[in-house]
Amino acid sequence: MTPAEEIRALADRAMADATSERQGANDALIRASCYEDKAHELIALADRIEREEAGRRSHFRRVVNTDLRDIVID
């Protein structure tokens, strides 16, 4: 392999790494947006409970796991 071919091979690997990193960053942005949406939903729910249903919480399931992906609200 000539020096120019070796450099082109390195460039190809760098481009593949950049593409992979970009995809990972895009995936992270999507996940962050989902967490942000869930946070807004939870804030709205808390506001509603405080305003309208402070004494009637029995129809909500108790959250055991605090991981946002596992919160279930009926």
PDB file of N, CA and C in Angstrom:
ATOM      1  N   MET A   1       0.853  -1.171   0.000  1.00  0.00           N
ATOM      2  CA  MET A   1       0.000   0.000   0.000  1.00  0.00           C
ATOM      3  C   MET A   1       0.905   1.242   0.000  1.00  0.00           C
ATOM      4  N   THR A   2       0.587   2.175  -0.864  1.00  0.00           N
ATOM      5  CA  THR A   2       1.385   3.402  -0.939  1.00  0.00           C
ATOM      6  C   THR A   2       1.030   4.328   0.228  1.00  0.00           C
ATOM      7  N   PRO A   3       1.892   5.296   0.511  1.00  0.00           N
ATOM      8  CA  PRO A   3       1.572   6.242   1.586  1.00  0.00           C
ATOM      9  C   PRO A   3       0.236   6.965   1.355  1.00  0.00           C
ATOM     10  N   ALA A   4      -0.039   7.317   0.128  1.00  0.00           N
ATOM     11  CA  ALA A   4      -1.305   7.997  -0.176  1.00  0.00           C
ATOM     12  C   ALA A   4      -2.490   7.071   0.091  1.00  0.00           C
ATOM     13  N   GLU A   5      -2.367   5.791  -0.260  1.00  0.00           N
ATOM     14  CA  GLU A   5      -3.438   4.828  -0.009  1.00  0.00           C
ATOM     15  C   GLU A   5      -3.643   4.612   1.492  1.00  0.00           C
ATOM     16  N   GLU A   6      -2.549   4.583   2.236  1.00  0.00           N
ATOM     17  CA  GLU A   6      -2.658   4.436   3.687  1.00  0.00           C
ATOM     18  C   GLU A   6      -3.380   5.635   4.304  1.00  0.00           C
ATOM     19  N   ILE A   7      -3.042   6.818   3.818  1.00  0.00           N
ATOM     20  CA  ILE A   7      -3.704   8.024   4.320  1.00  0.00           C
ATOM     21  C   ILE A   7      -5.184   8.005   3.962  1.00  0.00           C
ATOM     22  N   ARG A   8      -5.513   7.575   2.737  1.00  0.00           N
ATOM     23  CA  ARG A   8      -6.929   7.487   2.345  1.00  0.00           C
ATOM     24  C   ARG A   8      -7.672   6.454   3.198  1.00  0.00           C
ATOM     25  N   ALA A   9      -7.010   5.351   3.527  1.00  0.00           N
ATOM     26  CA  ALA A   9      -7.633   4.339   4.387  1.00  0.00           C
ATOM     27  C   ALA A   9      -7.887   4.912   5.780  1.00  0.00           C
ATOM     28  N   LEU A  10      -6.931   5.679   6.297  1.00  0.00           N
ATOM     29  CA  LEU A  10      -7.133   6.343   7.587  1.00  0.00           C
ATOM     30  C   LEU A  10      -8.293   7.332   7.521  1.00  0.00           C
ATOM     31  N   ALA A  11      -8.357   8.062   6.421  1.00  0.00           N
ATOM     32  CA  ALA A  11      -9.448   9.023   6.245  1.00  0.00           C
ATOM     33  C   ALA A  11     -10.791   8.305   6.188  1.00  0.00           C
ATOM     34  N   ASP A  12     -10.852   7.170   5.513  1.00  0.00           N
ATOM     35  CA  ASP A  12     -12.096   6.389   5.444  1.00  0.00           C
ATOM     36  C   ASP A  12     -12.523   5.927   6.835  1.00  0.00           C
ATOM     37  N   ARG A  13     -11.557   5.467   7.636  1.00  0.00           N
ATOM     38  CA  ARG A  13     -11.882   5.040   9.005  1.00  0.00           C
ATOM     39  C   ARG A  13     -12.343   6.221   9.860  1.00  0.00           C
ATOM     40  N   ALA A  14     -11.681   7.358   9.682  1.00  0.00           N
ATOM     41  CA  ALA A  14     -12.075   8.554  10.433  1.00  0.00           C
ATOM     42  C   ALA A  14     -13.490   8.981  10.048  1.00  0.00           C
ATOM     43  N   MET A  15     -13.818   8.890   8.761  1.00  0.00           N
ATOM     44  CA  MET A  15     -15.153   9.259   8.300  1.00  0.00           C
ATOM     45  C   MET A  15     -16.196   8.292   8.855  1.00  0.00           C
ATOM     46  N   ALA A  16     -15.872   7.012   8.902  1.00  0.00           N
ATOM     47  CA  ALA A  16     -16.795   6.025   9.473  1.00  0.00           C
ATOM     48  C   ALA A  16     -16.996   6.287  10.964  1.00  0.00           C
ATOM     49  N   ASP A  17     -15.915   6.624  11.669  1.00  0.00           N
ATOM     50  CA  ASP A  17     -16.033   6.957  13.094  1.00  0.00           C
ATOM     51  C   ASP A  17     -16.890   8.197  13.294  1.00  0.00           C
ATOM     52  N   ALA A  18     -16.698   9.194  12.442  1.00  0.00           N
ATOM     53  CA  ALA A  18     -17.492  10.423  12.547  1.00  0.00           C
ATOM     54  C   ALA A  18     -18.970  10.135  12.326  1.00  0.00           C
ATOM     55  N   THR A  19     -19.267   9.294  11.354  1.00  0.00           N
ATOM     56  CA  THR A  19     -20.659   8.930  11.082  1.00  0.00           C
ATOM     57  C   THR A  19     -21.265   8.208  12.275  1.00  0.00           C
ATOM     58  N   SER A  20     -20.505   7.298  12.856  1.00  0.00           N
ATOM     59  CA  SER A  20     -20.982   6.561  14.025  1.00  0.00           C
ATOM     60  C   SER A  20     -21.217   7.500  15.206  1.00  0.00           C
ATOM     61  N   GLU A  21     -20.288   8.402  15.450  1.00  0.00           N
ATOM     62  CA  GLU A  21     -20.438   9.371  16.544  1.00  0.00           C
ATOM     63  C   GLU A  21     -21.644  10.277  16.313  1.00  0.00           C
ATOM     64  N   ARG A  22     -21.832  10.701  15.070  1.00  0.00           N
ATOM     65  CA  ARG A  22     -22.970  11.565  14.748  1.00  0.00           C
ATOM     66  C   ARG A  22     -24.283  10.835  15.013  1.00  0.00           C
ATOM     67  N   GLN A  23     -24.354   9.568  14.639  1.00  0.00           N
ATOM     68  CA  GLN A  23     -25.569   8.788  14.887  1.00  0.00           C
ATOM     69  C   GLN A  23     -25.805   8.636  16.382  1.00  0.00           C
ATOM     70  N   GLY A  24     -24.729   8.383  17.126  1.00  0.00           N
ATOM     71  CA  GLY A  24     -24.852   8.282  18.578  1.00  0.00           C
ATOM     72  C   GLY A  24     -25.338   9.582  19.193  1.00  0.00           C
ATOM     73  N   ALA A  25     -24.834  10.695  18.691  1.00  0.00           N
ATOM     74  CA  ALA A  25     -25.267  12.002  19.199  1.00  0.00           C
ATOM     75  C   ALA A  25     -26.732  12.246  18.864  1.00  0.00           C
ATOM     76  N   ASN A  26     -27.140  11.882  17.665  1.00  0.00           N
ATOM     77  CA  ASN A  26     -28.550  12.038  17.287  1.00  0.00           C
ATOM     78  C   ASN A  26     -29.444  11.191  18.185  1.00  0.00           C
ATOM     79  N   ASP A  27     -29.030   9.963  18.446  1.00  0.00           N
ATOM     80  CA  ASP A  27     -29.806   9.092  19.334  1.00  0.00           C
ATOM     81  C   ASP A  27     -29.902   9.689  20.738  1.00  0.00           C
ATOM     82  N   ALA A  28     -28.794  10.257  21.224  1.00  0.00           N
ATOM     83  CA  ALA A  28     -28.795  10.875  22.553  1.00  0.00           C
ATOM     84  C   ALA A  28     -29.734  12.077  22.594  1.00  0.00           C
ATOM     85  N   LEU A  29     -29.771  12.860  21.528  1.00  0.00           N
ATOM     86  CA  LEU A  29     -30.686  14.007  21.475  1.00  0.00           C
ATOM     87  C   LEU A  29     -32.141  13.552  21.506  1.00  0.00           C
ATOM     88  N   ILE A  30     -32.437  12.472  20.810  1.00  0.00           N
ATOM     89  CA  ILE A  30     -33.802  11.942  20.816  1.00  0.00           C
ATOM     90  C   ILE A  30     -34.170  11.467  22.216  1.00  0.00           C
ATOM     91  N   ARG A  31     -33.262  10.739  22.870  1.00  0.00           N
ATOM     92  CA  ARG A  31     -33.534  10.280  24.237  1.00  0.00           C
ATOM     93  C   ARG A  31     -33.709  11.458  25.186  1.00  0.00           C
ATOM     94  N   ALA A  32     -32.865  12.476  25.057  1.00  0.00           N
ATOM     95  CA  ALA A  32     -32.975  13.656  25.920  1.00  0.00           C
ATOM     96  C   ALA A  32     -34.317  14.340  25.715  1.00  0.00           C
ATOM     97  N   SER A  33     -34.767  14.410  24.483  1.00  0.00           N
ATOM     98  CA  SER A  33     -36.064  15.018  24.193  1.00  0.00           C
ATOM     99  C   SER A  33     -37.192  14.217  24.833  1.00  0.00           C
ATOM    100  N   CYS A  34     -37.082  12.895  24.805  1.00  0.00           N
ATOM    101  CA  CYS A  34     -38.100  12.047  25.440  1.00  0.00           C
ATOM    102  C   CYS A  34     -38.128  12.270  26.949  1.00  0.00           C
ATOM    103  N   TYR A  35     -36.950  12.352  27.576  1.00  0.00           N
ATOM    104  CA  TYR A  35     -36.897  12.618  29.016  1.00  0.00           C
ATOM    105  C   TYR A  35     -37.485  13.989  29.335  1.00  0.00           C
ATOM    106  N   GLU A  36     -37.190  14.963  28.492  1.00  0.00           N
ATOM    107  CA  GLU A  36     -37.727  16.303  28.706  1.00  0.00           C
ATOM    108  C   GLU A  36     -39.249  16.296  28.591  1.00  0.00           C
ATOM    109  N   ASP A  37     -39.776  15.599  27.589  1.00  0.00           N
ATOM    110  CA  ASP A  37     -41.232  15.488  27.438  1.00  0.00           C
ATOM    111  C   ASP A  37     -41.854  14.829  28.664  1.00  0.00           C
ATOM    112  N   LYS A  38     -41.228  13.759  29.155  1.00  0.00           N
ATOM    113  CA  LYS A  38     -41.747  13.071  30.339  1.00  0.00           C
ATOM    114  C   LYS A  38     -41.715  13.994  31.550  1.00  0.00           C
ATOM    115  N   ALA A  39     -40.657  14.780  31.689  1.00  0.00           N
ATOM    116  CA  ALA A  39     -40.571  15.723  32.806  1.00  0.00           C
ATOM    117  C   ALA A  39     -41.707  16.733  32.741  1.00  0.00           C
ATOM    118  N   HIS A  40     -41.998  17.245  31.547  1.00  0.00           N
ATOM    119  CA  HIS A  40     -43.108  18.196  31.400  1.00  0.00           C
ATOM    120  C   HIS A  40     -44.445  17.544  31.750  1.00  0.00           C
ATOM    121  N   GLU A  41     -44.630  16.296  31.339  1.00  0.00           N
ATOM    122  CA  GLU A  41     -45.861  15.578  31.682  1.00  0.00           C
ATOM    123  C   GLU A  41     -45.991  15.412  33.193  1.00  0.00           C
ATOM    124  N   LEU A  42     -44.895  15.059  33.846  1.00  0.00           N
ATOM    125  CA  LEU A  42     -44.929  14.868  35.295  1.00  0.00           C
ATOM    126  C   LEU A  42     -45.181  16.180  36.035  1.00  0.00           C
ATOM    127  N   ILE A  43     -44.598  17.268  35.552  1.00  0.00           N
ATOM    128  CA  ILE A  43     -44.850  18.580  36.156  1.00  0.00           C
ATOM    129  C   ILE A  43     -46.316  18.949  36.014  1.00  0.00           C
ATOM    130  N   ALA A  44     -46.877  18.725  34.824  1.00  0.00           N
ATOM    131  CA  ALA A  44     -48.296  19.023  34.609  1.00  0.00           C
ATOM    132  C   ALA A  44     -49.170  18.167  35.517  1.00  0.00           C
ATOM    133  N   LEU A  45     -48.820  16.905  35.680  1.00  0.00           N
ATOM    134  CA  LEU A  45     -49.582  16.027  36.563  1.00  0.00           C
ATOM    135  C   LEU A  45     -49.513  16.526  38.004  1.00  0.00           C
ATOM    136  N   ALA A  46     -48.324  16.893  38.454  1.00  0.00           N
ATOM    137  CA  ALA A  46     -48.176  17.406  39.819  1.00  0.00           C
ATOM    138  C   ALA A  46     -48.995  18.678  40.012  1.00  0.00           C
ATOM    139  N   ASP A  47     -48.974  19.551  39.025  1.00  0.00           N
ATOM    140  CA  ASP A  47     -49.772  20.782  39.105  1.00  0.00           C
ATOM    141  C   ASP A  47     -51.257  20.464  39.199  1.00  0.00           C
ATOM    142  N   ARG A  48     -51.708  19.505  38.381  1.00  0.00           N
ATOM    143  CA  ARG A  48     -53.121  19.124  38.392  1.00  0.00           C
ATOM    144  C   ARG A  48     -53.524  18.543  39.740  1.00  0.00           C
ATOM    145  N   ILE A  49     -52.669  17.695  40.288  1.00  0.00           N
ATOM    146  CA  ILE A  49     -52.963  17.094  41.590  1.00  0.00           C
ATOM    147  C   ILE A  49     -53.072  18.182  42.648  1.00  0.00           C
ATOM    148  N   GLU A  50     -52.138  19.111  42.643  1.00  0.00           N
ATOM    149  CA  GLU A  50     -52.174  20.187  43.637  1.00  0.00           C
ATOM    150  C   GLU A  50     -53.431  21.040  43.507  1.00  0.00           C
ATOM    151  N   ARG A  51     -53.842  21.345  42.283  1.00  0.00           N
ATOM    152  CA  ARG A  51     -54.993  22.213  42.058  1.00  0.00           C
ATOM    153  C   ARG A  51     -56.319  21.515  42.287  1.00  0.00           C
ATOM    154  N   GLU A  52     -56.489  20.331  41.724  1.00  0.00           N
ATOM    155  CA  GLU A  52     -57.815  19.730  41.628  1.00  0.00           C
ATOM    156  C   GLU A  52     -58.026  18.479  42.465  1.00  0.00           C
ATOM    157  N   GLU A  53     -56.987  17.695  42.684  1.00  0.00           N
ATOM    158  CA  GLU A  53     -57.207  16.376  43.251  1.00  0.00           C
ATOM    159  C   GLU A  53     -56.293  16.075  44.428  1.00  0.00           C
ATOM    160  N   ALA A  54     -55.990  17.052  45.228  1.00  0.00           N
ATOM    161  CA  ALA A  54     -55.035  16.856  46.317  1.00  0.00           C
ATOM    162  C   ALA A  54     -55.462  15.725  47.248  1.00  0.00           C
ATOM    163  N   GLY A  55     -56.742  15.563  47.472  1.00  0.00           N
ATOM    164  CA  GLY A  55     -57.201  14.533  48.393  1.00  0.00           C
ATOM    165  C   GLY A  55     -57.608  13.234  47.733  1.00  0.00           C
ATOM    166  N   ARG A  56     -57.560  13.158  46.414  1.00  0.00           N
ATOM    167  CA  ARG A  56     -58.039  11.955  45.713  1.00  0.00           C
ATOM    168  C   ARG A  56     -56.924  11.338  44.884  1.00  0.00           C
ATOM    169  N   ARG A  57     -55.934  10.799  45.516  1.00  0.00           N
ATOM    170  CA  ARG A  57     -54.787  10.224  44.803  1.00  0.00           C
ATOM    171  C   ARG A  57     -54.862   8.712  44.680  1.00  0.00           C
ATOM    172  N   SER A  58     -55.904   8.109  45.147  1.00  0.00           N
ATOM    173  CA  SER A  58     -55.950   6.647  45.194  1.00  0.00           C
ATOM    174  C   SER A  58     -55.974   6.012  43.812  1.00  0.00           C
ATOM    175  N   HIS A  59     -56.353   6.751  42.777  1.00  0.00           N
ATOM    176  CA  HIS A  59     -56.397   6.140  41.447  1.00  0.00           C
ATOM    177  C   HIS A  59     -55.039   6.178  40.741  1.00  0.00           C
ATOM    178  N   PHE A  60     -54.003   6.696  41.395  1.00  0.00           N
ATOM    179  CA  PHE A  60     -52.665   6.689  40.824  1.00  0.00           C
ATOM    180  C   PHE A  60     -51.891   5.499  41.366  1.00  0.00           C
ATOM    181  N   ARG A  61     -51.140   4.849  40.502  1.00  0.00           N
ATOM    182  CA  ARG A  61     -50.278   3.767  40.957  1.00  0.00           C
ATOM    183  C   ARG A  61     -49.098   4.359  41.705  1.00  0.00           C
ATOM    184  N   ARG A  62     -48.632   3.629  42.677  1.00  0.00           N
ATOM    185  CA  ARG A  62     -47.457   4.067  43.424  1.00  0.00           C
ATOM    186  C   ARG A  62     -46.206   3.783  42.593  1.00  0.00           C
ATOM    187  N   VAL A  63     -45.316   4.751  42.512  1.00  0.00           N
ATOM    188  CA  VAL A  63     -44.067   4.593  41.780  1.00  0.00           C
ATOM    189  C   VAL A  63     -43.041   3.974  42.717  1.00  0.00           C
ATOM    190  N   VAL A  64     -42.555   2.793  42.345  1.00  0.00           N
ATOM    191  CA  VAL A  64     -41.563   2.107  43.165  1.00  0.00           C
ATOM    192  C   VAL A  64     -40.169   2.390  42.621  1.00  0.00           C
ATOM    193  N   ASN A  65     -40.013   2.294  41.317  1.00  0.00           N
ATOM    194  CA  ASN A  65     -38.731   2.549  40.668  1.00  0.00           C
ATOM    195  C   ASN A  65     -38.727   3.994  40.192  1.00  0.00           C
ATOM    196  N   THR A  66     -37.706   4.761  40.537  1.00  0.00           N
ATOM    197  CA  THR A  66     -37.680   6.174  40.165  1.00  0.00           C
ATOM    198  C   THR A  66     -37.040   6.421  38.808  1.00  0.00           C
ATOM    199  N   ASP A  67     -36.675   5.385  38.086  1.00  0.00           N
ATOM    200  CA  ASP A  67     -36.156   5.555  36.739  1.00  0.00           C
ATOM    201  C   ASP A  67     -37.294   6.069  35.869  1.00  0.00           C
ATOM    202  N   LEU A  68     -37.101   7.196  35.185  1.00  0.00           N
ATOM    203  CA  LEU A  68     -38.179   7.835  34.421  1.00  0.00           C
ATOM    204  C   LEU A  68     -38.779   6.921  33.361  1.00  0.00           C
ATOM    205  N   ARG A  69     -38.006   5.976  32.874  1.00  0.00           N
ATOM    206  CA  ARG A  69     -38.531   5.087  31.842  1.00  0.00           C
ATOM    207  C   ARG A  69     -39.561   4.117  32.401  1.00  0.00           C
ATOM    208  N   ASP A  70     -39.601   3.946  33.728  1.00  0.00           N
ATOM    209  CA  ASP A  70     -40.488   2.965  34.337  1.00  0.00           C
ATOM    210  C   ASP A  70     -41.696   3.580  35.026  1.00  0.00           C
ATOM    211  N   ILE A  71     -41.859   4.888  34.980  1.00  0.00           N
ATOM    212  CA  ILE A  71     -42.987   5.517  35.654  1.00  0.00           C
ATOM    213  C   ILE A  71     -44.265   5.233  34.874  1.00  0.00           C
ATOM    214  N   VAL A  72     -45.267   4.741  35.578  1.00  0.00           N
ATOM    215  CA  VAL A  72     -46.559   4.444  34.969  1.00  0.00           C
ATOM    216  C   VAL A  72     -47.612   5.236  35.713  1.00  0.00           C
ATOM    217  N   ILE A  73     -48.418   5.970  34.965  1.00  0.00           N
ATOM    218  CA  ILE A  73     -49.483   6.762  35.571  1.00  0.00           C
ATOM    219  C   ILE A  73     -50.786   6.348  34.915  1.00  0.00           C
ATOM    220  N   ASP A  74     -51.723   5.895  35.710  1.00  0.00           N
ATOM    221  CA  ASP A  74     -53.038   5.521  35.186  1.00  0.00           C
ATOM    222  C   ASP A  74     -53.954   6.714  35.192  1.00  0.00           C
TER     223      ASP A  74
END
